[in-house]
């Protein structure tokens, strides 16, 4: 059974820019990167360090910008993670 956690996370860059946003995550997803839409990357003033290849849900592969690290505070936990900058996403 996959347990989904949802809540408000605070994301902070080394430049001390902070944003609060709603996130959802699976407790045993094994995720090592934060995926954010381009408009959040612009607000955080993130600059791509390199491009990384990702495999999408439909099996196709794409190169997308990678930035980081950013500090994420969520549910009394703190982590430093890399950021995959994706196109505009819609919440369902």
PDB file of N, CA and C in Angstrom:
ATOM      1  N   UNK A   1       0.842  -1.177   0.000  1.00  0.00           N
ATOM      2  CA  UNK A   1       0.000   0.000   0.000  1.00  0.00           C
ATOM      3  C   UNK A   1       0.888   1.242   0.000  1.00  0.00           C
ATOM      4  N   UNK A   2       0.614   2.163  -0.893  1.00  0.00           N
ATOM      5  CA  UNK A   2       1.332   3.419  -0.973  1.00  0.00           C
ATOM      6  C   UNK A   2       0.588   4.466  -0.163  1.00  0.00           C
ATOM      7  N   UNK A   3       1.283   5.075   0.780  1.00  0.00           N
ATOM      8  CA  UNK A   3       0.692   6.126   1.594  1.00  0.00           C
ATOM      9  C   UNK A   3       1.148   7.460   1.047  1.00  0.00           C
ATOM     10  N   UNK A   4       0.208   8.330   0.747  1.00  0.00           N
ATOM     11  CA  UNK A   4       0.521   9.646   0.192  1.00  0.00           C
ATOM     12  C   UNK A   4       0.443  10.684   1.304  1.00  0.00           C
ATOM     13  N   UNK A   5       1.506  11.490   1.408  1.00  0.00           N
ATOM     14  CA  UNK A   5       1.512  12.617   2.339  1.00  0.00           C
ATOM     15  C   UNK A   5       1.325  13.896   1.540  1.00  0.00           C
ATOM     16  N   UNK A   6       0.564  14.812   2.079  1.00  0.00           N
ATOM     17  CA  UNK A   6       0.363  16.102   1.419  1.00  0.00           C
ATOM     18  C   UNK A   6       0.432  17.195   2.463  1.00  0.00           C
ATOM     19  N   UNK A   7       0.916  18.333   2.043  1.00  0.00           N
ATOM     20  CA  UNK A   7       0.993  19.459   2.963  1.00  0.00           C
ATOM     21  C   UNK A   7       1.768  20.606   2.357  1.00  0.00           C
ATOM     22  N   UNK A   8       2.067  21.590   3.204  1.00  0.00           N
ATOM     23  CA  UNK A   8       2.806  22.764   2.771  1.00  0.00           C
ATOM     24  C   UNK A   8       4.290  22.540   3.029  1.00  0.00           C
ATOM     25  N   UNK A   9       5.095  22.772   2.009  1.00  0.00           N
ATOM     26  CA  UNK A   9       6.553  22.666   2.128  1.00  0.00           C
ATOM     27  C   UNK A   9       7.157  24.044   1.928  1.00  0.00           C
ATOM     28  N   UNK A  10       8.269  24.265   2.576  1.00  0.00           N
ATOM     29  CA  UNK A  10       9.021  25.493   2.359  1.00  0.00           C
ATOM     30  C   UNK A  10      10.284  25.124   1.602  1.00  0.00           C
ATOM     31  N   UNK A  11      10.526  25.816   0.487  1.00  0.00           N
ATOM     32  CA  UNK A  11      11.694  25.572  -0.359  1.00  0.00           C
ATOM     33  C   UNK A  11      12.574  26.805  -0.284  1.00  0.00           C
ATOM     34  N   UNK A  12      13.881  26.602  -0.022  1.00  0.00           N
ATOM     35  CA  UNK A  12      14.804  27.727   0.114  1.00  0.00           C
ATOM     36  C   UNK A  12      16.070  27.457  -0.686  1.00  0.00           C
ATOM     37  N   UNK A  13      16.528  28.481  -1.403  1.00  0.00           N
ATOM     38  CA  UNK A  13      17.775  28.375  -2.158  1.00  0.00           C
ATOM     39  C   UNK A  13      18.918  28.927  -1.326  1.00  0.00           C
ATOM     40  N   UNK A  14      20.134  28.724  -1.810  1.00  0.00           N
ATOM     41  CA  UNK A  14      21.297  29.259  -1.113  1.00  0.00           C
ATOM     42  C   UNK A  14      21.279  30.783  -1.090  1.00  0.00           C
ATOM     43  N   UNK A  15      20.530  31.396  -2.005  1.00  0.00           N
ATOM     44  CA  UNK A  15      20.381  32.844  -2.039  1.00  0.00           C
ATOM     45  C   UNK A  15      19.341  33.353  -1.053  1.00  0.00           C
ATOM     46  N   UNK A  16      18.861  32.468  -0.174  1.00  0.00           N
ATOM     47  CA  UNK A  16      17.899  32.803   0.877  1.00  0.00           C
ATOM     48  C   UNK A  16      16.505  33.157   0.364  1.00  0.00           C
ATOM     49  N   UNK A  17      16.206  32.822  -0.880  1.00  0.00           N
ATOM     50  CA  UNK A  17      14.859  33.025  -1.405  1.00  0.00           C
ATOM     51  C   UNK A  17      14.004  31.859  -0.923  1.00  0.00           C
ATOM     52  N   UNK A  18      12.833  32.156  -0.358  1.00  0.00           N
ATOM     53  CA  UNK A  18      11.956  31.118   0.167  1.00  0.00           C
ATOM     54  C   UNK A  18      10.601  31.163  -0.525  1.00  0.00           C
ATOM     55  N   UNK A  19      10.034  29.993  -0.734  1.00  0.00           N
ATOM     56  CA  UNK A  19       8.670  29.859  -1.251  1.00  0.00           C
ATOM     57  C   UNK A  19       7.961  28.800  -0.424  1.00  0.00           C
ATOM     58  N   UNK A  20       6.675  28.954  -0.277  1.00  0.00           N
ATOM     59  CA  UNK A  20       5.865  27.903   0.314  1.00  0.00           C
ATOM     60  C   UNK A  20       4.971  27.348  -0.777  1.00  0.00           C
ATOM     61  N   UNK A  21       4.855  26.031  -0.830  1.00  0.00           N
ATOM     62  CA  UNK A  21       4.020  25.422  -1.856  1.00  0.00           C
ATOM     63  C   UNK A  21       3.412  24.133  -1.333  1.00  0.00           C
ATOM     64  N   UNK A  22       2.325  23.718  -1.958  1.00  0.00           N
ATOM     65  CA  UNK A  22       1.663  22.465  -1.620  1.00  0.00           C
ATOM     66  C   UNK A  22       2.374  21.322  -2.335  1.00  0.00           C
ATOM     67  N   UNK A  23       2.682  20.251  -1.604  1.00  0.00           N
ATOM     68  CA  UNK A  23       3.304  19.097  -2.235  1.00  0.00           C
ATOM     69  C   UNK A  23       2.575  17.820  -1.840  1.00  0.00           C
ATOM     70  N   UNK A  24       2.721  16.804  -2.668  1.00  0.00           N
ATOM     71  CA  UNK A  24       2.234  15.459  -2.383  1.00  0.00           C
ATOM     72  C   UNK A  24       3.390  14.507  -2.642  1.00  0.00           C
ATOM     73  N   UNK A  25       3.564  13.519  -1.775  1.00  0.00           N
ATOM     74  CA  UNK A  25       4.644  12.561  -2.005  1.00  0.00           C
ATOM     75  C   UNK A  25       4.262  11.212  -1.427  1.00  0.00           C
ATOM     76  N   UNK A  26       4.806  10.166  -2.042  1.00  0.00           N
ATOM     77  CA  UNK A  26       4.607   8.822  -1.540  1.00  0.00           C
ATOM     78  C   UNK A  26       5.664   8.507  -0.500  1.00  0.00           C
ATOM     79  N   UNK A  27       5.281   7.849   0.588  1.00  0.00           N
ATOM     80  CA  UNK A  27       6.216   7.597   1.676  1.00  0.00           C
ATOM     81  C   UNK A  27       7.363   6.686   1.288  1.00  0.00           C
ATOM     82  N   UNK A  28       7.171   5.772   0.369  1.00  0.00           N
ATOM     83  CA  UNK A  28       8.291   4.917  -0.021  1.00  0.00           C
ATOM     84  C   UNK A  28       8.592   5.061  -1.504  1.00  0.00           C
ATOM     85  N   UNK A  29       8.483   6.275  -1.995  1.00  0.00           N
ATOM     86  CA  UNK A  29       8.687   6.504  -3.427  1.00  0.00           C
ATOM     87  C   UNK A  29      10.155   6.422  -3.828  1.00  0.00           C
ATOM     88  N   UNK A  30      11.086   6.661  -2.886  1.00  0.00           N
ATOM     89  CA  UNK A  30      12.506   6.634  -3.216  1.00  0.00           C
ATOM     90  C   UNK A  30      12.951   7.834  -4.031  1.00  0.00           C
ATOM     91  N   UNK A  31      12.172   8.906  -4.037  1.00  0.00           N
ATOM     92  CA  UNK A  31      12.490  10.090  -4.829  1.00  0.00           C
ATOM     93  C   UNK A  31      13.733  10.774  -4.283  1.00  0.00           C
ATOM     94  N   UNK A  32      14.670  11.102  -5.174  1.00  0.00           N
ATOM     95  CA  UNK A  32      15.890  11.784  -4.786  1.00  0.00           C
ATOM     96  C   UNK A  32      15.941  13.210  -5.293  1.00  0.00           C
ATOM     97  N   UNK A  33      15.017  13.578  -6.159  1.00  0.00           N
ATOM     98  CA  UNK A  33      15.003  14.914  -6.753  1.00  0.00           C
ATOM     99  C   UNK A  33      13.627  15.532  -6.569  1.00  0.00           C
ATOM    100  N   UNK A  34      13.632  16.827  -6.481  1.00  0.00           N
ATOM    101  CA  UNK A  34      12.392  17.581  -6.444  1.00  0.00           C
ATOM    102  C   UNK A  34      12.092  18.019  -7.872  1.00  0.00           C
ATOM    103  N   UNK A  35      10.887  17.800  -8.340  1.00  0.00           N
ATOM    104  CA  UNK A  35      10.477  18.246  -9.675  1.00  0.00           C
ATOM    105  C   UNK A  35       9.557  19.444  -9.516  1.00  0.00           C
ATOM    106  N   UNK A  36       9.934  20.561 -10.135  1.00  0.00           N
ATOM    107  CA  UNK A  36       9.137  21.772 -10.015  1.00  0.00           C
ATOM    108  C   UNK A  36       8.879  22.348 -11.404  1.00  0.00           C
ATOM    109  N   UNK A  37       7.767  23.077 -11.554  1.00  0.00           N
ATOM    110  CA  UNK A  37       7.502  23.721 -12.838  1.00  0.00           C
ATOM    111  C   UNK A  37       8.435  24.911 -13.044  1.00  0.00           C
ATOM    112  N   UNK A  38       8.575  25.299 -14.287  1.00  0.00           N
ATOM    113  CA  UNK A  38       9.506  26.370 -14.659  1.00  0.00           C
ATOM    114  C   UNK A  38       9.209  27.680 -13.934  1.00  0.00           C
ATOM    115  N   UNK A  39       7.928  28.013 -13.727  1.00  0.00           N
ATOM    116  CA  UNK A  39       7.624  29.298 -13.085  1.00  0.00           C
ATOM    117  C   UNK A  39       8.116  29.351 -11.637  1.00  0.00           C
ATOM    118  N   UNK A  40       8.154  28.208 -10.925  1.00  0.00           N
ATOM    119  CA  UNK A  40       8.726  28.193  -9.576  1.00  0.00           C
ATOM    120  C   UNK A  40      10.241  28.337  -9.621  1.00  0.00           C
ATOM    121  N   UNK A  41      10.877  27.711 -10.600  1.00  0.00           N
ATOM    122  CA  UNK A  41      12.330  27.849 -10.753  1.00  0.00           C
ATOM    123  C   UNK A  41      12.703  29.307 -10.998  1.00  0.00           C
ATOM    124  N   UNK A  42      11.884  30.012 -11.772  1.00  0.00           N
ATOM    125  CA  UNK A  42      12.134  31.437 -12.020  1.00  0.00           C
ATOM    126  C   UNK A  42      11.985  32.248 -10.736  1.00  0.00           C
ATOM    127  N   UNK A  43      10.957  31.957  -9.951  1.00  0.00           N
ATOM    128  CA  UNK A  43      10.751  32.679  -8.689  1.00  0.00           C
ATOM    129  C   UNK A  43      11.899  32.428  -7.713  1.00  0.00           C
ATOM    130  N   UNK A  44      12.436  31.207  -7.709  1.00  0.00           N
ATOM    131  CA  UNK A  44      13.558  30.860  -6.832  1.00  0.00           C
ATOM    132  C   UNK A  44      14.902  31.317  -7.399  1.00  0.00           C
ATOM    133  N   UNK A  45      14.875  31.844  -8.630  1.00  0.00           N
ATOM    134  CA  UNK A  45      16.083  32.290  -9.333  1.00  0.00           C
ATOM    135  C   UNK A  45      17.116  31.169  -9.466  1.00  0.00           C
ATOM    136  N   UNK A  46      16.607  29.970  -9.763  1.00  0.00           N
ATOM    137  CA  UNK A  46      17.485  28.814  -9.973  1.00  0.00           C
ATOM    138  C   UNK A  46      18.075  28.862 -11.368  1.00  0.00           C
ATOM    139  N   UNK A  47      19.331  28.514 -11.464  1.00  0.00           N
ATOM    140  CA  UNK A  47      19.996  28.421 -12.758  1.00  0.00           C
ATOM    141  C   UNK A  47      20.382  26.959 -12.985  1.00  0.00           C
ATOM    142  N   UNK A  48      20.125  26.488 -14.185  1.00  0.00           N
ATOM    143  CA  UNK A  48      20.447  25.094 -14.513  1.00  0.00           C
ATOM    144  C   UNK A  48      21.954  24.869 -14.445  1.00  0.00           C
ATOM    145  N   UNK A  49      22.341  23.780 -13.800  1.00  0.00           N
ATOM    146  CA  UNK A  49      23.748  23.384 -13.731  1.00  0.00           C
ATOM    147  C   UNK A  49      24.114  22.491 -14.906  1.00  0.00           C
ATOM    148  N   UNK A  50      23.153  21.689 -15.325  1.00  0.00           N
ATOM    149  CA  UNK A  50      23.351  20.739 -16.426  1.00  0.00           C
ATOM    150  C   UNK A  50      21.993  20.232 -16.871  1.00  0.00           C
ATOM    151  N   UNK A  51      21.993  19.370 -17.873  1.00  0.00           N
ATOM    152  CA  UNK A  51      20.765  18.696 -18.288  1.00  0.00           C
ATOM    153  C   UNK A  51      20.877  17.223 -17.927  1.00  0.00           C
ATOM    154  N   UNK A  52      19.762  16.651 -17.527  1.00  0.00           N
ATOM    155  CA  UNK A  52      19.724  15.227 -17.181  1.00  0.00           C
ATOM    156  C   UNK A  52      18.609  14.552 -17.955  1.00  0.00           C
ATOM    157  N   UNK A  53      18.859  13.309 -18.301  1.00  0.00           N
ATOM    158  CA  UNK A  53      17.852  12.542 -19.025  1.00  0.00           C
ATOM    159  C   UNK A  53      16.877  11.912 -18.031  1.00  0.00           C
ATOM    160  N   UNK A  54      15.596  12.057 -18.324  1.00  0.00           N
ATOM    161  CA  UNK A  54      14.554  11.454 -17.499  1.00  0.00           C
ATOM    162  C   UNK A  54      13.669  10.586 -18.374  1.00  0.00           C
ATOM    163  N   UNK A  55      13.079   9.583 -17.767  1.00  0.00           N
ATOM    164  CA  UNK A  55      12.100   8.750 -18.447  1.00  0.00           C
ATOM    165  C   UNK A  55      10.727   9.142 -17.932  1.00  0.00           C
ATOM    166  N   UNK A  56       9.850   9.531 -18.834  1.00  0.00           N
ATOM    167  CA  UNK A  56       8.503   9.970 -18.470  1.00  0.00           C
ATOM    168  C   UNK A  56       7.577   8.774 -18.310  1.00  0.00           C
ATOM    169  N   UNK A  57       6.397   9.025 -17.767  1.00  0.00           N
ATOM    170  CA  UNK A  57       5.431   7.962 -17.499  1.00  0.00           C
ATOM    171  C   UNK A  57       5.044   7.193 -18.755  1.00  0.00           C
ATOM    172  N   UNK A  58       5.082   7.849 -19.918  1.00  0.00           N
ATOM    173  CA  UNK A  58       4.727   7.167 -21.165  1.00  0.00           C
ATOM    174  C   UNK A  58       5.893   6.388 -21.773  1.00  0.00           C
ATOM    175  N   UNK A  59       7.045   6.379 -21.063  1.00  0.00           N
ATOM    176  CA  UNK A  59       8.210   5.632 -21.538  1.00  0.00           C
ATOM    177  C   UNK A  59       9.167   6.440 -22.396  1.00  0.00           C
ATOM    178  N   UNK A  60       8.768   7.634 -22.801  1.00  0.00           N
ATOM    179  CA  UNK A  60       9.658   8.469 -23.616  1.00  0.00           C
ATOM    180  C   UNK A  60      10.743   9.079 -22.728  1.00  0.00           C
ATOM    181  N   UNK A  61      11.836   9.485 -23.365  1.00  0.00           N
ATOM    182  CA  UNK A  61      12.956  10.090 -22.635  1.00  0.00           C
ATOM    183  C   UNK A  61      13.156  11.517 -23.097  1.00  0.00           C
ATOM    184  N   UNK A  62      13.537  12.377 -22.154  1.00  0.00           N
ATOM    185  CA  UNK A  62      13.775  13.782 -22.457  1.00  0.00           C
ATOM    186  C   UNK A  62      14.943  14.294 -21.634  1.00  0.00           C
ATOM    187  N   UNK A  63      15.639  15.301 -22.154  1.00  0.00           N
ATOM    188  CA  UNK A  63      16.640  16.021 -21.379  1.00  0.00           C
ATOM    189  C   UNK A  63      15.951  17.217 -20.738  1.00  0.00           C
ATOM    190  N   UNK A  64      16.136  17.372 -19.420  1.00  0.00           N
ATOM    191  CA  UNK A  64      15.542  18.512 -18.729  1.00  0.00           C
ATOM    192  C   UNK A  64      16.598  19.183 -17.859  1.00  0.00           C
ATOM    193  N   UNK A  65      16.425  20.478 -17.556  1.00  0.00           N
ATOM    194  CA  UNK A  65      17.393  21.196 -16.730  1.00  0.00           C
ATOM    195  C   UNK A  65      17.432  20.668 -15.296  1.00  0.00           C
ATOM    196  N   UNK A  66      18.640  20.656 -14.719  1.00  0.00           N
ATOM    197  CA  UNK A  66      18.863  20.220 -13.346  1.00  0.00           C
ATOM    198  C   UNK A  66      19.546  21.359 -12.595  1.00  0.00           C
ATOM    199  N   UNK A  67      19.051  21.701 -11.413  1.00  0.00           N
ATOM    200  CA  UNK A  67      19.614  22.781 -10.600  1.00  0.00           C
ATOM    201  C   UNK A  67      19.691  22.321  -9.149  1.00  0.00           C
ATOM    202  N   UNK A  68      20.323  23.123  -8.330  1.00  0.00           N
ATOM    203  CA  UNK A  68      20.329  22.811  -6.904  1.00  0.00           C
ATOM    204  C   UNK A  68      21.673  23.101  -6.276  1.00  0.00           C
ATOM    205  N   UNK A  69      21.820  22.763  -5.029  1.00  0.00           N
ATOM    206  CA  UNK A  69      20.798  22.157  -4.173  1.00  0.00           C
ATOM    207  C   UNK A  69      19.834  23.207  -3.625  1.00  0.00           C
ATOM    208  N   UNK A  70      18.667  22.739  -3.215  1.00  0.00           N
ATOM    209  CA  UNK A  70      17.721  23.573  -2.486  1.00  0.00           C
ATOM    210  C   UNK A  70      17.386  22.862  -1.179  1.00  0.00           C
ATOM    211  N   UNK A  71      17.020  23.652  -0.197  1.00  0.00           N
ATOM    212  CA  UNK A  71      16.637  23.119   1.113  1.00  0.00           C
ATOM    213  C   UNK A  71      15.125  23.011   1.145  1.00  0.00           C
ATOM    214  N   UNK A  72      14.615  21.847   1.520  1.00  0.00           N
ATOM    215  CA  UNK A  72      13.178  21.617   1.591  1.00  0.00           C
ATOM    216  C   UNK A  72      12.811  21.244   3.028  1.00  0.00           C
ATOM    217  N   UNK A  73      11.866  21.981   3.604  1.00  0.00           N
ATOM    218  CA  UNK A  73      11.319  21.664   4.922  1.00  0.00           C
ATOM    219  C   UNK A  73       9.892  21.178   4.721  1.00  0.00           C
ATOM    220  N   UNK A  74       9.607  19.965   5.206  1.00  0.00           N
ATOM    221  CA  UNK A  74       8.273  19.393   5.058  1.00  0.00           C
ATOM    222  C   UNK A  74       8.018  18.429   6.205  1.00  0.00           C
ATOM    223  N   UNK A  75       6.932  18.611   6.886  1.00  0.00           N
ATOM    224  CA  UNK A  75       6.489  17.680   7.923  1.00  0.00           C
ATOM    225  C   UNK A  75       7.592  17.409   8.951  1.00  0.00           C
ATOM    226  N   UNK A  76       8.169  18.471   9.476  1.00  0.00           N
ATOM    227  CA  UNK A  76       9.232  18.400  10.491  1.00  0.00           C
ATOM    228  C   UNK A  76      10.494  17.697  10.011  1.00  0.00           C
ATOM    229  N   UNK A  77      10.713  17.630   8.718  1.00  0.00           N
ATOM    230  CA  UNK A  77      11.930  17.048   8.150  1.00  0.00           C
ATOM    231  C   UNK A  77      12.587  18.083   7.239  1.00  0.00           C
ATOM    232  N   UNK A  78      13.907  18.037   7.170  1.00  0.00           N
ATOM    233  CA  UNK A  78      14.662  18.931   6.296  1.00  0.00           C
ATOM    234  C   UNK A  78      15.576  18.099   5.420  1.00  0.00           C
ATOM    235  N   UNK A  79      15.665  18.462   4.142  1.00  0.00           N
ATOM    236  CA  UNK A  79      16.551  17.759   3.214  1.00  0.00           C
ATOM    237  C   UNK A  79      17.100  18.748   2.192  1.00  0.00           C
ATOM    238  N   UNK A  80      18.283  18.467   1.700  1.00  0.00           N
ATOM    239  CA  UNK A  80      18.863  19.210   0.589  1.00  0.00           C
ATOM    240  C   UNK A  80      18.766  18.308  -0.631  1.00  0.00           C
ATOM    241  N   UNK A  81      18.149  18.824  -1.698  1.00  0.00           N
ATOM    242  CA  UNK A  81      17.889  17.999  -2.878  1.00  0.00           C
ATOM    243  C   UNK A  81      18.230  18.748  -4.158  1.00  0.00           C
ATOM    244  N   UNK A  82      18.428  17.977  -5.223  1.00  0.00           N
ATOM    245  CA  UNK A  82      18.548  18.539  -6.550  1.00  0.00           C
ATOM    246  C   UNK A  82      17.160  18.797  -7.109  1.00  0.00           C
ATOM    247  N   UNK A  83      17.076  19.680  -8.082  1.00  0.00           N
ATOM    248  CA  UNK A  83      15.780  20.078  -8.647  1.00  0.00           C
ATOM    249  C   UNK A  83      15.751  19.800 -10.142  1.00  0.00           C
ATOM    250  N   UNK A  84      14.755  19.053 -10.583  1.00  0.00           N
ATOM    251  CA  UNK A  84      14.477  18.862 -11.997  1.00  0.00           C
ATOM    252  C   UNK A  84      13.450  19.924 -12.397  1.00  0.00           C
ATOM    253  N   UNK A  85      13.796  20.738 -13.385  1.00  0.00           N
ATOM    254  CA  UNK A  85      12.907  21.824 -13.798  1.00  0.00           C
ATOM    255  C   UNK A  85      12.081  21.351 -14.990  1.00  0.00           C
ATOM    256  N   UNK A  86      10.789  21.170 -14.742  1.00  0.00           N
ATOM    257  CA  UNK A  86       9.884  20.643 -15.763  1.00  0.00           C
ATOM    258  C   UNK A  86       9.081  21.757 -16.390  1.00  0.00           C
ATOM    259  N   UNK A  87       8.392  21.425 -17.468  1.00  0.00           N
ATOM    260  CA  UNK A  87       7.484  22.334 -18.127  1.00  0.00           C
ATOM    261  C   UNK A  87       6.337  22.637 -17.185  1.00  0.00           C
ATOM    262  N   UNK A  88       5.412  23.456 -17.598  1.00  0.00           N
ATOM    263  CA  UNK A  88       4.262  23.783 -16.749  1.00  0.00           C
ATOM    264  C   UNK A  88       3.429  22.539 -16.497  1.00  0.00           C
ATOM    265  N   UNK A  89       3.151  22.272 -15.231  1.00  0.00           N
ATOM    266  CA  UNK A  89       2.396  21.091 -14.843  1.00  0.00           C
ATOM    267  C   UNK A  89       1.024  21.498 -14.344  1.00  0.00           C
ATOM    268  N   UNK A  90       0.062  20.609 -14.494  1.00  0.00           N
ATOM    269  CA  UNK A  90      -1.274  20.848 -13.991  1.00  0.00           C
ATOM    270  C   UNK A  90      -1.542  19.855 -12.867  1.00  0.00           C
ATOM    271  N   UNK A  91      -2.184  20.310 -11.819  1.00  0.00           N
ATOM    272  CA  UNK A  91      -2.572  19.419 -10.732  1.00  0.00           C
ATOM    273  C   UNK A  91      -3.917  18.798 -11.064  1.00  0.00           C
ATOM    274  N   UNK A  92      -4.078  17.554 -10.747  1.00  0.00           N
ATOM    275  CA  UNK A  92      -5.319  16.855 -11.045  1.00  0.00           C
ATOM    276  C   UNK A  92      -6.103  16.652  -9.792  1.00  0.00           C
TER     277      UNK A  92
END
